[in-house]
Amino acid sequence: MTVPGPTRRRHLVVVRAGDRSLHERWIEPGGERTFDLIVSYYGSDPQRFRDGPHPRIDDAGDKYPGLKRLLERERRWRDYEWIWLPDDDLATTQDQIERLFDRVRSLDLDLAQPALGWSSHVNYAPTLCMPSLCARYTNFVEIMAPCFRVDALERCLPTFDANRTGWGLSFVWPRLLGTGLRRCAIVDDAVVTHTRPAGGPAYARLPGGTRDAAVERAAVMTRYGLSPHTDVRVYAAADGTGRFLDAGIPDDASRLMRLLADDTDAVTAWRDAHPADGVPGRDPAYAWRRWLPAETLRALAARVPRGREARAG
């Protein structure tokens, strides 16, 4: 794997890209950044993205089996600290990608994802941005955009070809990592927009479409000791003031539930009044955010208990 640029950067983005990939809009030409970008191309055009500024590496097929082949064949990704594996239909900016890497590093996470903007096409409602929070510690990170610490990716990589669609891995990875309260989160401080409805080449190749994907989800979750009916749970959160809220502690749980309820009401009202059409840049709810400095989040992370799950959530 070729590392572009004169100096090696700390972070890596590997986008699984088809011909309509949006990744070319993610980078500011000439701007300083902490990440490299690799295009894992699954299309059939011999020239598409070939002459771009980011290396193109070809691997046909579905997202996670293709990434498994790439990451087993190419070893240089182990030189990075965190690796983000986004879908190619996400609208984002270099600033948001940098904020994602800053937050996973500051909060000392093993596995995370950016939250989704309110105009996004959404598969799981809890992935929508909750603007009162910096991050929510969960049992789930969506396969659309997981960000792994390098050693966590090493542990989860064998699961990447467990099925064709990747359905179910969103719950399997936190289970494998034993994430507890501290290790796995949806990062509300970093926001991307999902521009297309759920589906894609993997679903088109399944005779039963999403019905077969649901069967794959149930099978892989059962294989790893999870109920196929497992729900997304929020075990804890870092709020916008830098306070850690543990859902297993009654006072914290009460505050966390109020913040989640208020934010859910806000996003529901906004989506009722605006089409969820995947158009980025229209979401008002987090424009006013005051971003906490990294040192505040590092101090919070140092106080977070490891290796246990909250009793409620």
Protein backbone atom coordinates (compact mmCIF):
# COMPACT_ATOMS: atom_id res chain seq x y z
CA MET A 1 0.00 0.00 0.00
CA THR A 2 1.54 3.30 -1.08
CA VAL A 3 1.44 6.13 1.44
CA PRO A 4 1.00 9.42 -0.48
CA GLY A 5 2.70 12.66 0.42
CA PRO A 6 6.10 13.59 1.81
CA THR A 7 5.33 12.56 5.41
CA ARG A 8 3.39 9.65 6.84
CA ARG A 9 0.12 10.66 8.48
CA ARG A 10 -1.43 9.13 11.63
CA HIS A 11 -4.79 8.13 10.20
CA LEU A 12 -6.09 6.29 7.16
CA VAL A 13 -9.38 6.45 5.25
CA VAL A 14 -10.19 3.51 2.96
CA VAL A 15 -13.31 4.22 0.93
CA ARG A 16 -14.99 1.30 -0.82
CA ALA A 17 -15.75 3.15 -4.04
CA GLY A 18 -17.94 2.62 -7.07
CA ASP A 19 -18.21 4.92 -10.06
CA ARG A 20 -20.47 7.39 -8.21
CA SER A 21 -18.26 7.73 -5.15
CA LEU A 22 -18.32 11.10 -3.38
CA HIS A 23 -14.84 10.82 -1.87
CA GLU A 24 -13.32 13.40 -4.23
CA ARG A 25 -15.33 16.07 -2.36
CA TRP A 26 -13.94 15.10 1.04
CA ILE A 27 -10.48 16.61 0.65
CA GLU A 28 -9.42 20.25 0.47
CA PRO A 29 -6.69 20.49 -2.19
CA GLY A 30 -3.48 21.63 -0.58
CA GLY A 31 -5.00 21.63 2.91
CA GLU A 32 -3.17 20.21 5.89
CA ARG A 33 -4.60 16.92 7.09
CA THR A 34 -3.73 14.05 9.40
CA PHE A 35 -5.07 11.25 7.19
CA ASP A 36 -4.27 9.48 3.95
CA LEU A 37 -7.02 8.22 1.64
CA ILE A 38 -7.04 4.99 -0.34
CA VAL A 39 -9.69 4.21 -2.97
CA SER A 40 -10.74 0.54 -2.80
CA TYR A 41 -12.46 0.37 -6.18
CA TYR A 42 -15.14 -2.23 -6.96
CA GLY A 43 -16.30 -0.84 -10.32
CA SER A 44 -15.40 -1.91 -13.85
CA ASP A 45 -14.08 1.31 -15.43
CA PRO A 46 -10.32 0.92 -15.97
CA GLN A 47 -9.76 4.70 -15.80
CA ARG A 48 -12.20 5.83 -13.08
CA PHE A 49 -10.20 7.54 -10.27
CA ARG A 50 -7.00 6.15 -11.80
CA ASP A 51 -5.38 9.55 -12.28
CA GLY A 52 -6.63 11.06 -9.03
CA PRO A 53 -4.49 12.16 -6.10
CA HIS A 54 -5.35 9.09 -4.01
CA PRO A 55 -4.17 5.55 -4.82
CA ARG A 56 -6.76 3.28 -6.41
CA ILE A 57 -6.59 -0.41 -5.55
CA ASP A 58 -9.03 -2.76 -7.30
CA ASP A 59 -11.04 -5.42 -5.49
CA ALA A 60 -14.36 -6.47 -7.02
CA GLY A 61 -17.34 -7.62 -5.02
CA ASP A 62 -19.09 -6.59 -1.83
CA LYS A 63 -17.77 -4.06 0.66
CA TYR A 64 -16.44 -6.11 3.52
CA PRO A 65 -15.23 -9.21 1.63
CA GLY A 66 -13.43 -6.80 -0.72
CA LEU A 67 -11.89 -4.88 2.18
CA LYS A 68 -10.78 -8.12 3.81
CA ARG A 69 -8.90 -9.12 0.65
CA LEU A 70 -7.28 -5.69 0.46
CA LEU A 71 -6.28 -5.49 4.12
CA GLU A 72 -4.91 -9.04 4.20
CA ARG A 73 -2.91 -8.45 1.04
CA GLU A 74 -1.59 -4.97 1.88
CA ARG A 75 0.12 -4.62 5.24
CA ARG A 76 0.93 -0.92 5.51
CA TRP A 77 -2.40 -0.04 7.17
CA ARG A 78 -0.91 -1.39 10.39
CA ASP A 79 1.42 1.62 10.44
CA TYR A 80 -1.54 3.92 11.16
CA GLU A 81 -3.31 4.53 14.48
CA TRP A 82 -6.96 4.70 13.37
CA ILE A 83 -8.60 3.56 10.14
CA TRP A 84 -11.99 4.80 8.87
CA LEU A 85 -13.94 2.61 6.41
CA PRO A 86 -16.78 4.78 5.03
CA ASP A 87 -19.29 4.02 2.31
CA ASP A 88 -18.85 6.01 -0.87
CA ASP A 89 -22.25 7.74 -0.67
CA LEU A 90 -21.46 9.81 2.41
CA ALA A 91 -21.24 13.57 2.06
CA THR A 92 -18.68 15.06 4.42
CA THR A 93 -15.79 17.49 4.62
CA GLN A 94 -12.15 17.34 5.57
CA ASP A 95 -12.97 19.22 8.78
CA GLN A 96 -15.54 16.63 9.82
CA ILE A 97 -13.16 13.75 9.09
CA GLU A 98 -10.46 15.46 11.15
CA ARG A 99 -12.97 16.00 13.96
CA LEU A 100 -13.86 12.28 13.90
CA PHE A 101 -10.22 11.27 14.26
CA ASP A 102 -9.65 13.91 16.96
CA ARG A 103 -12.61 12.62 18.97
CA VAL A 104 -11.79 8.91 18.74
CA ARG A 105 -8.25 9.72 19.82
CA SER A 106 -9.27 12.08 22.65
CA LEU A 107 -11.92 9.70 23.98
CA ASP A 108 -9.56 6.70 23.65
CA LEU A 109 -12.06 4.64 21.64
CA ASP A 110 -11.50 1.31 19.92
CA LEU A 111 -14.45 1.59 17.55
CA ALA A 112 -16.66 4.50 16.56
CA GLN A 113 -18.68 6.14 13.83
CA PRO A 114 -19.68 9.70 13.00
CA ALA A 115 -23.30 10.63 13.61
CA LEU A 116 -25.62 11.20 10.67
CA GLY A 117 -26.94 14.61 9.70
CA TRP A 118 -30.67 15.11 10.01
CA SER A 119 -31.33 15.12 6.26
CA SER A 120 -29.71 11.69 5.89
CA HIS A 121 -31.31 8.52 4.63
CA VAL A 122 -31.27 6.51 7.86
CA ASN A 123 -31.25 2.79 8.62
CA TYR A 124 -31.01 3.09 12.43
CA ALA A 125 -32.56 6.15 14.07
CA PRO A 126 -30.00 6.23 16.97
CA THR A 127 -27.26 7.10 14.47
CA LEU A 128 -28.79 10.56 13.88
CA CYS A 129 -26.86 13.41 15.49
CA MET A 130 -27.86 14.29 19.05
CA PRO A 131 -26.55 17.87 19.35
CA SER A 132 -26.57 18.02 23.16
CA LEU A 133 -23.94 15.27 23.31
CA CYS A 134 -20.34 14.84 22.20
CA ALA A 135 -20.55 11.04 21.99
CA ARG A 136 -22.77 8.14 22.99
CA TYR A 137 -21.22 4.89 24.21
CA THR A 138 -23.13 2.05 22.57
CA ASN A 139 -23.26 -1.64 21.68
CA PHE A 140 -23.42 -0.74 17.99
CA VAL A 141 -21.45 0.94 15.20
CA GLU A 142 -23.03 0.91 11.77
CA ILE A 143 -21.19 -0.84 8.92
CA MET A 144 -21.73 2.31 6.85
CA ALA A 145 -18.83 4.18 8.46
CA PRO A 146 -16.86 2.38 11.20
CA CYS A 147 -13.63 3.86 12.51
CA PHE A 148 -11.27 1.32 14.12
CA ARG A 149 -8.21 1.66 16.29
CA VAL A 150 -5.62 -0.38 14.41
CA ASP A 151 -5.50 -3.26 16.94
CA ALA A 152 -9.30 -3.41 17.04
CA LEU A 153 -9.38 -3.70 13.25
CA GLU A 154 -6.88 -6.55 13.48
CA ARG A 155 -9.25 -8.40 15.83
CA CYS A 156 -12.38 -7.75 13.76
CA LEU A 157 -10.89 -8.34 10.30
CA PRO A 158 -11.62 -12.12 10.27
CA THR A 159 -15.36 -11.32 10.41
CA PHE A 160 -15.33 -9.18 7.26
CA ASP A 161 -16.30 -12.11 5.02
CA ALA A 162 -18.78 -13.63 7.47
CA ASN A 163 -21.52 -12.77 4.98
CA ARG A 164 -21.97 -10.74 1.80
CA THR A 165 -23.82 -7.67 3.04
CA GLY A 166 -22.11 -7.05 6.38
CA TRP A 167 -25.51 -6.98 8.12
CA GLY A 168 -25.12 -7.95 11.77
CA LEU A 169 -21.46 -6.96 12.04
CA SER A 170 -22.53 -3.63 13.55
CA PHE A 171 -23.39 -5.58 16.72
CA VAL A 172 -20.74 -8.30 16.38
CA TRP A 173 -17.73 -5.98 16.45
CA PRO A 174 -18.50 -4.38 19.84
CA ARG A 175 -19.18 -7.86 21.16
CA LEU A 176 -15.79 -9.13 19.95
CA LEU A 177 -13.97 -6.14 21.41
CA GLY A 178 -15.65 -6.40 24.81
CA THR A 179 -16.28 -2.69 24.57
CA GLY A 180 -18.05 -2.05 27.87
CA LEU A 181 -18.69 1.61 28.56
CA ARG A 182 -15.55 3.12 27.19
CA ARG A 183 -14.61 1.55 23.89
CA CYS A 184 -17.38 1.98 21.34
CA ALA A 185 -19.30 5.14 20.47
CA ILE A 186 -21.38 7.16 18.05
CA VAL A 187 -19.54 10.49 17.82
CA ASP A 188 -22.06 13.32 17.72
CA ASP A 189 -19.26 15.88 17.36
CA ALA A 190 -18.55 14.57 13.84
CA VAL A 191 -21.36 14.52 11.28
CA VAL A 192 -21.74 13.02 7.81
CA THR A 193 -24.77 12.87 5.53
CA HIS A 194 -25.98 9.59 4.02
CA THR A 195 -27.03 10.72 0.55
CA ARG A 196 -28.67 7.57 -0.83
CA PRO A 197 -31.33 5.16 0.43
CA ALA A 198 -30.23 1.85 1.88
CA GLY A 199 -29.27 -0.74 -0.66
CA GLY A 200 -26.62 -1.14 -3.28
CA PRO A 201 -24.79 -3.74 -5.35
CA ALA A 202 -24.72 -6.30 -2.53
CA TYR A 203 -28.50 -6.24 -2.17
CA ALA A 204 -29.09 -6.36 -5.92
CA ARG A 205 -27.09 -9.59 -6.10
CA LEU A 206 -29.16 -11.26 -3.37
CA PRO A 207 -32.22 -13.09 -4.77
CA GLY A 208 -34.36 -11.89 -1.87
CA GLY A 209 -32.82 -8.42 -1.50
CA THR A 210 -33.13 -6.98 2.01
CA ARG A 211 -35.08 -10.07 3.12
CA ASP A 212 -31.97 -12.20 2.48
CA ALA A 213 -29.82 -9.53 4.13
CA ALA A 214 -31.97 -9.87 7.25
CA VAL A 215 -31.37 -13.63 7.18
CA GLU A 216 -27.62 -12.96 6.96
CA ARG A 217 -27.88 -10.57 9.90
CA ALA A 218 -29.66 -13.14 12.09
CA ALA A 219 -27.18 -15.88 11.17
CA VAL A 220 -24.01 -13.90 11.92
CA MET A 221 -25.37 -12.51 15.19
CA THR A 222 -26.38 -15.98 16.34
CA ARG A 223 -22.94 -17.31 15.42
CA TYR A 224 -21.34 -14.77 17.76
CA GLY A 225 -23.72 -15.36 20.65
CA LEU A 226 -26.07 -12.42 20.08
CA SER A 227 -29.82 -12.45 19.76
CA PRO A 228 -30.94 -11.37 16.28
CA HIS A 229 -33.41 -9.10 18.09
CA THR A 230 -30.71 -7.12 19.89
CA ASP A 231 -31.47 -3.39 19.93
CA VAL A 232 -29.12 -0.43 19.83
CA ARG A 233 -28.41 0.58 23.43
CA VAL A 234 -26.83 3.72 24.84
CA TYR A 235 -24.82 2.77 27.91
CA ALA A 236 -23.41 6.22 28.60
CA ALA A 237 -22.56 9.55 26.98
CA ALA A 238 -20.25 12.53 27.10
CA ASP A 239 -22.44 15.61 27.13
CA GLY A 240 -21.73 19.02 25.68
CA THR A 241 -20.27 20.30 28.95
CA GLY A 242 -17.72 17.50 29.19
CA ARG A 243 -19.63 15.52 31.83
CA PHE A 244 -19.69 11.72 31.66
CA LEU A 245 -23.20 10.32 32.09
CA ASP A 246 -23.43 6.63 33.07
CA ALA A 247 -26.88 5.18 32.35
CA GLY A 248 -26.37 2.76 35.24
CA ILE A 249 -26.35 5.61 37.78
CA PRO A 250 -29.85 6.99 38.45
CA ASP A 251 -29.01 10.71 38.45
CA ASP A 252 -26.87 10.36 35.31
CA ALA A 253 -29.51 8.20 33.64
CA SER A 254 -32.18 10.82 34.33
CA ARG A 255 -30.10 13.61 32.78
CA LEU A 256 -29.09 11.45 29.82
CA MET A 257 -32.68 10.44 29.11
CA ARG A 258 -33.78 14.09 29.20
CA LEU A 259 -31.07 15.14 26.77
CA LEU A 260 -31.86 12.26 24.43
CA ALA A 261 -35.59 12.97 24.60
CA ASP A 262 -35.11 16.68 23.86
CA ASP A 263 -32.76 16.00 20.95
CA THR A 264 -35.02 13.27 19.56
CA ASP A 265 -37.98 15.66 19.66
CA ALA A 266 -35.91 18.26 17.81
CA VAL A 267 -34.74 15.91 15.09
CA THR A 268 -38.24 14.44 14.67
CA ALA A 269 -39.77 17.90 14.28
CA TRP A 270 -37.10 18.91 11.79
CA ARG A 271 -37.51 15.74 9.71
CA ASP A 272 -41.29 16.15 9.77
CA ALA A 273 -40.86 19.61 8.26
CA HIS A 274 -38.07 18.81 5.79
CA PRO A 275 -37.53 15.94 3.37
CA ALA A 276 -34.98 13.35 4.42
CA ASP A 277 -33.48 13.48 0.95
CA GLY A 278 -29.79 13.10 1.71
CA VAL A 279 -28.93 16.67 0.73
CA PRO A 280 -26.11 17.89 3.00
CA GLY A 281 -25.66 21.34 4.45
CA ARG A 282 -29.26 22.07 5.43
CA ASP A 283 -29.23 20.82 9.01
CA PRO A 284 -29.46 23.69 11.54
CA ALA A 285 -29.39 21.87 14.83
CA TYR A 286 -25.66 21.52 15.41
CA ALA A 287 -24.43 24.75 13.80
CA TRP A 288 -24.36 26.43 17.24
CA ARG A 289 -22.21 23.79 18.91
CA ARG A 290 -19.32 24.85 21.12
CA TRP A 291 -16.67 22.21 20.55
CA LEU A 292 -14.96 21.03 23.70
CA PRO A 293 -11.16 21.05 23.52
CA ALA A 294 -9.39 17.73 23.15
CA GLU A 295 -7.80 18.01 26.60
CA THR A 296 -11.26 18.18 28.20
CA LEU A 297 -12.29 14.97 26.46
CA ARG A 298 -9.03 13.26 27.35
CA ALA A 299 -9.65 14.08 30.99
CA LEU A 300 -13.18 12.70 30.70
CA ALA A 301 -11.92 9.52 29.04
CA ALA A 302 -9.43 8.95 31.85
CA ARG A 303 -12.33 8.87 34.34
CA VAL A 304 -14.51 6.47 32.37
CA PRO A 305 -14.70 2.95 33.85
CA ARG A 306 -13.45 0.16 31.61
CA GLY A 307 -14.71 -3.33 31.01
CA ARG A 308 -18.26 -3.14 32.29
CA GLU A 309 -21.63 -2.22 30.86
CA ALA A 310 -24.15 0.03 32.50
CA ARG A 311 -27.16 -1.64 34.02
CA ALA A 312 -29.61 0.40 31.95
CA GLY A 313 -29.66 2.29 28.70
